[in-house]
Amino acid sequence: MTTMPKAGDISRKWYVIDAQGKPLGRVAATAAHLLRGKHKVTFAPHADCGDHVIIINADKAILTGNKLQSKVRYRHTGWVGGLKEVKYSDLMEKNPERAMMLAIKGMVPDTTIGRNALTRVRIYKGGEHNHAAQKPEVWELQ
């Protein structure tokens, strides 16, 4: 018989992902997987059963191929002629946490479950984080 998880039954763990030397998209996909809770046997698509994720060394994540020079992030202000663009070479240099968050945001659903999942991700530029009290486990990328 299939069990349906309820909000009170869900237990959340904390995981640390080290992004040093790993592709940005691979780290983001793993984080999105953990945030949704798809690694759990109690996963249900209608329930928010994901875990907390801490990503360290976001500034040392790599972009494979020619993406660092050619990939561009576009956004529009809503005004006429308001298209803004930022190259990923500048984004990774100035704000690597934002680049990682944008990648993760594109991999979770555009629903309330996805928005709630994004509140459980913490991204740090360096190798230190201040969540030692939560006793996070290290998650190794395959």
Protein backbone atom coordinates (compact mmCIF):
# COMPACT_ATOMS: atom_id res chain seq x y z
CA MET A 1 0.00 0.00 0.00
CA THR A 2 1.28 3.50 -0.82
CA THR A 3 1.75 5.89 2.08
CA MET A 4 0.95 9.56 1.71
CA PRO A 5 3.37 11.79 3.65
CA LYS A 6 1.82 14.49 5.82
CA ALA A 7 3.47 17.75 6.83
CA GLY A 8 3.97 16.56 10.41
CA ASP A 9 5.60 13.27 9.36
CA ILE A 10 8.36 14.85 7.27
CA SER A 11 11.83 14.91 8.80
CA ARG A 12 14.38 17.21 7.25
CA LYS A 13 18.13 16.58 7.24
CA TRP A 14 20.96 18.95 6.38
CA TYR A 15 23.48 18.23 3.62
CA VAL A 16 26.69 19.99 2.55
CA ILE A 17 27.77 19.98 -1.10
CA ASP A 18 31.31 21.11 -1.95
CA ALA A 19 31.25 22.75 -5.39
CA GLN A 20 35.04 23.08 -5.73
CA GLY A 21 36.14 21.91 -9.17
CA LYS A 22 32.68 20.56 -10.03
CA PRO A 23 30.43 21.78 -12.87
CA LEU A 24 27.93 24.42 -11.76
CA GLY A 25 24.99 22.62 -13.38
CA ARG A 26 25.86 19.27 -11.80
CA VAL A 27 25.98 20.84 -8.34
CA ALA A 28 22.71 22.70 -8.98
CA ALA A 29 20.96 19.54 -10.21
CA THR A 30 22.06 17.61 -7.12
CA ALA A 31 20.92 20.45 -4.85
CA ALA A 32 17.52 20.62 -6.59
CA HIS A 33 17.17 16.85 -6.21
CA LEU A 34 17.82 17.08 -2.46
CA LEU A 35 15.60 20.15 -2.02
CA ARG A 36 12.64 18.34 -3.59
CA GLY A 37 13.27 15.19 -1.54
CA LYS A 38 13.44 12.89 -4.56
CA HIS A 39 16.16 10.80 -2.89
CA LYS A 40 13.73 9.67 -0.16
CA VAL A 41 11.53 6.60 -0.33
CA THR A 42 8.69 8.71 1.10
CA PHE A 43 8.77 11.18 -1.81
CA ALA A 44 5.43 12.41 -3.09
CA PRO A 45 5.18 15.12 -5.77
CA HIS A 46 2.35 16.92 -3.98
CA ALA A 47 4.21 17.19 -0.64
CA ASP A 48 7.18 19.34 0.30
CA CYS A 49 9.42 16.64 1.75
CA GLY A 50 12.89 17.94 0.81
CA ASP A 51 15.95 18.59 2.93
CA HIS A 52 18.17 21.59 3.66
CA VAL A 53 21.23 22.07 1.42
CA ILE A 54 24.40 24.05 2.12
CA ILE A 55 26.66 24.71 -0.88
CA ILE A 56 30.23 25.78 -0.13
CA ASN A 57 33.00 26.99 -2.48
CA ALA A 58 30.47 28.34 -5.00
CA ASP A 59 33.19 30.61 -6.40
CA LYS A 60 35.28 27.55 -7.32
CA ALA A 61 32.54 25.85 -9.36
CA ILE A 62 33.45 25.53 -13.03
CA LEU A 63 31.58 26.09 -16.26
CA THR A 64 32.58 23.54 -18.89
CA GLY A 65 33.32 24.27 -22.52
CA ASN A 66 33.13 27.89 -23.63
CA LYS A 67 30.23 28.78 -21.32
CA LEU A 68 32.21 31.16 -19.11
CA GLN A 69 32.71 33.52 -22.07
CA SER A 70 29.59 32.83 -24.16
CA LYS A 71 26.78 32.20 -21.65
CA VAL A 72 24.72 35.31 -20.89
CA ARG A 73 21.96 35.94 -18.34
CA TYR A 74 19.14 38.16 -19.60
CA ARG A 75 16.47 39.95 -17.60
CA HIS A 76 13.98 42.67 -18.45
CA THR A 77 13.10 45.64 -16.26
CA GLY A 78 9.62 45.98 -17.72
CA TRP A 79 10.40 49.31 -19.35
CA VAL A 80 10.89 49.94 -23.05
CA GLY A 81 14.45 49.03 -24.00
CA GLY A 82 15.00 47.58 -20.53
CA LEU A 83 16.75 44.33 -21.53
CA LYS A 84 19.74 43.81 -19.23
CA GLU A 85 22.45 41.22 -19.82
CA VAL A 86 25.29 39.91 -17.69
CA LYS A 87 28.00 37.56 -18.93
CA TYR A 88 28.67 34.56 -16.73
CA SER A 89 32.36 35.48 -16.57
CA ASP A 90 31.33 38.68 -14.73
CA LEU A 91 28.62 36.94 -12.70
CA MET A 92 30.97 34.19 -11.47
CA GLU A 93 33.60 36.78 -10.59
CA LYS A 94 31.33 39.24 -8.75
CA ASN A 95 28.47 37.11 -7.39
CA PRO A 96 28.94 33.32 -7.74
CA GLU A 97 26.20 32.70 -5.15
CA ARG A 98 23.67 34.34 -7.48
CA ALA A 99 24.83 32.22 -10.43
CA MET A 100 24.35 29.05 -8.37
CA MET A 101 20.95 30.19 -7.08
CA LEU A 102 19.75 30.97 -10.62
CA ALA A 103 20.80 27.50 -11.76
CA ILE A 104 18.98 25.83 -8.85
CA LYS A 105 15.90 28.03 -9.33
CA GLY A 106 15.62 26.86 -12.92
CA MET A 107 15.59 23.23 -11.77
CA VAL A 108 12.82 23.35 -9.16
CA PRO A 109 9.15 23.68 -10.11
CA ASP A 110 7.54 27.12 -10.45
CA THR A 111 5.02 26.35 -7.73
CA THR A 112 4.65 27.03 -4.02
CA ILE A 113 6.52 23.77 -3.34
CA GLY A 114 9.46 24.99 -5.46
CA ARG A 115 9.47 28.42 -3.82
CA ASN A 116 9.45 26.85 -0.35
CA ALA A 117 12.28 24.53 -1.40
CA LEU A 118 14.44 27.50 -2.42
CA THR A 119 14.22 28.89 1.12
CA ARG A 120 16.10 25.81 2.34
CA VAL A 121 19.25 26.34 0.27
CA ARG A 122 22.26 28.27 1.63
CA ILE A 123 25.10 29.16 -0.71
CA TYR A 124 28.53 30.35 0.42
CA LYS A 125 31.40 31.71 -1.63
CA GLY A 126 34.14 30.23 0.55
CA GLY A 127 34.67 26.92 2.28
CA GLU A 128 33.15 27.98 5.63
CA HIS A 129 29.51 27.95 6.71
CA ASN A 130 27.83 28.77 10.03
CA HIS A 131 25.46 25.80 10.24
CA ALA A 132 27.60 23.42 12.29
CA ALA A 133 24.89 23.24 14.97
CA GLN A 134 22.58 21.46 12.49
CA LYS A 135 25.18 18.66 12.05
CA PRO A 136 25.06 18.58 8.25
CA GLU A 137 26.16 15.47 6.39
CA VAL A 138 28.52 15.68 3.41
CA TRP A 139 26.81 14.72 0.13
CA GLU A 140 29.20 13.36 -2.48
CA LEU A 141 28.39 13.93 -6.15
CA GLN A 142 28.35 10.78 -8.29
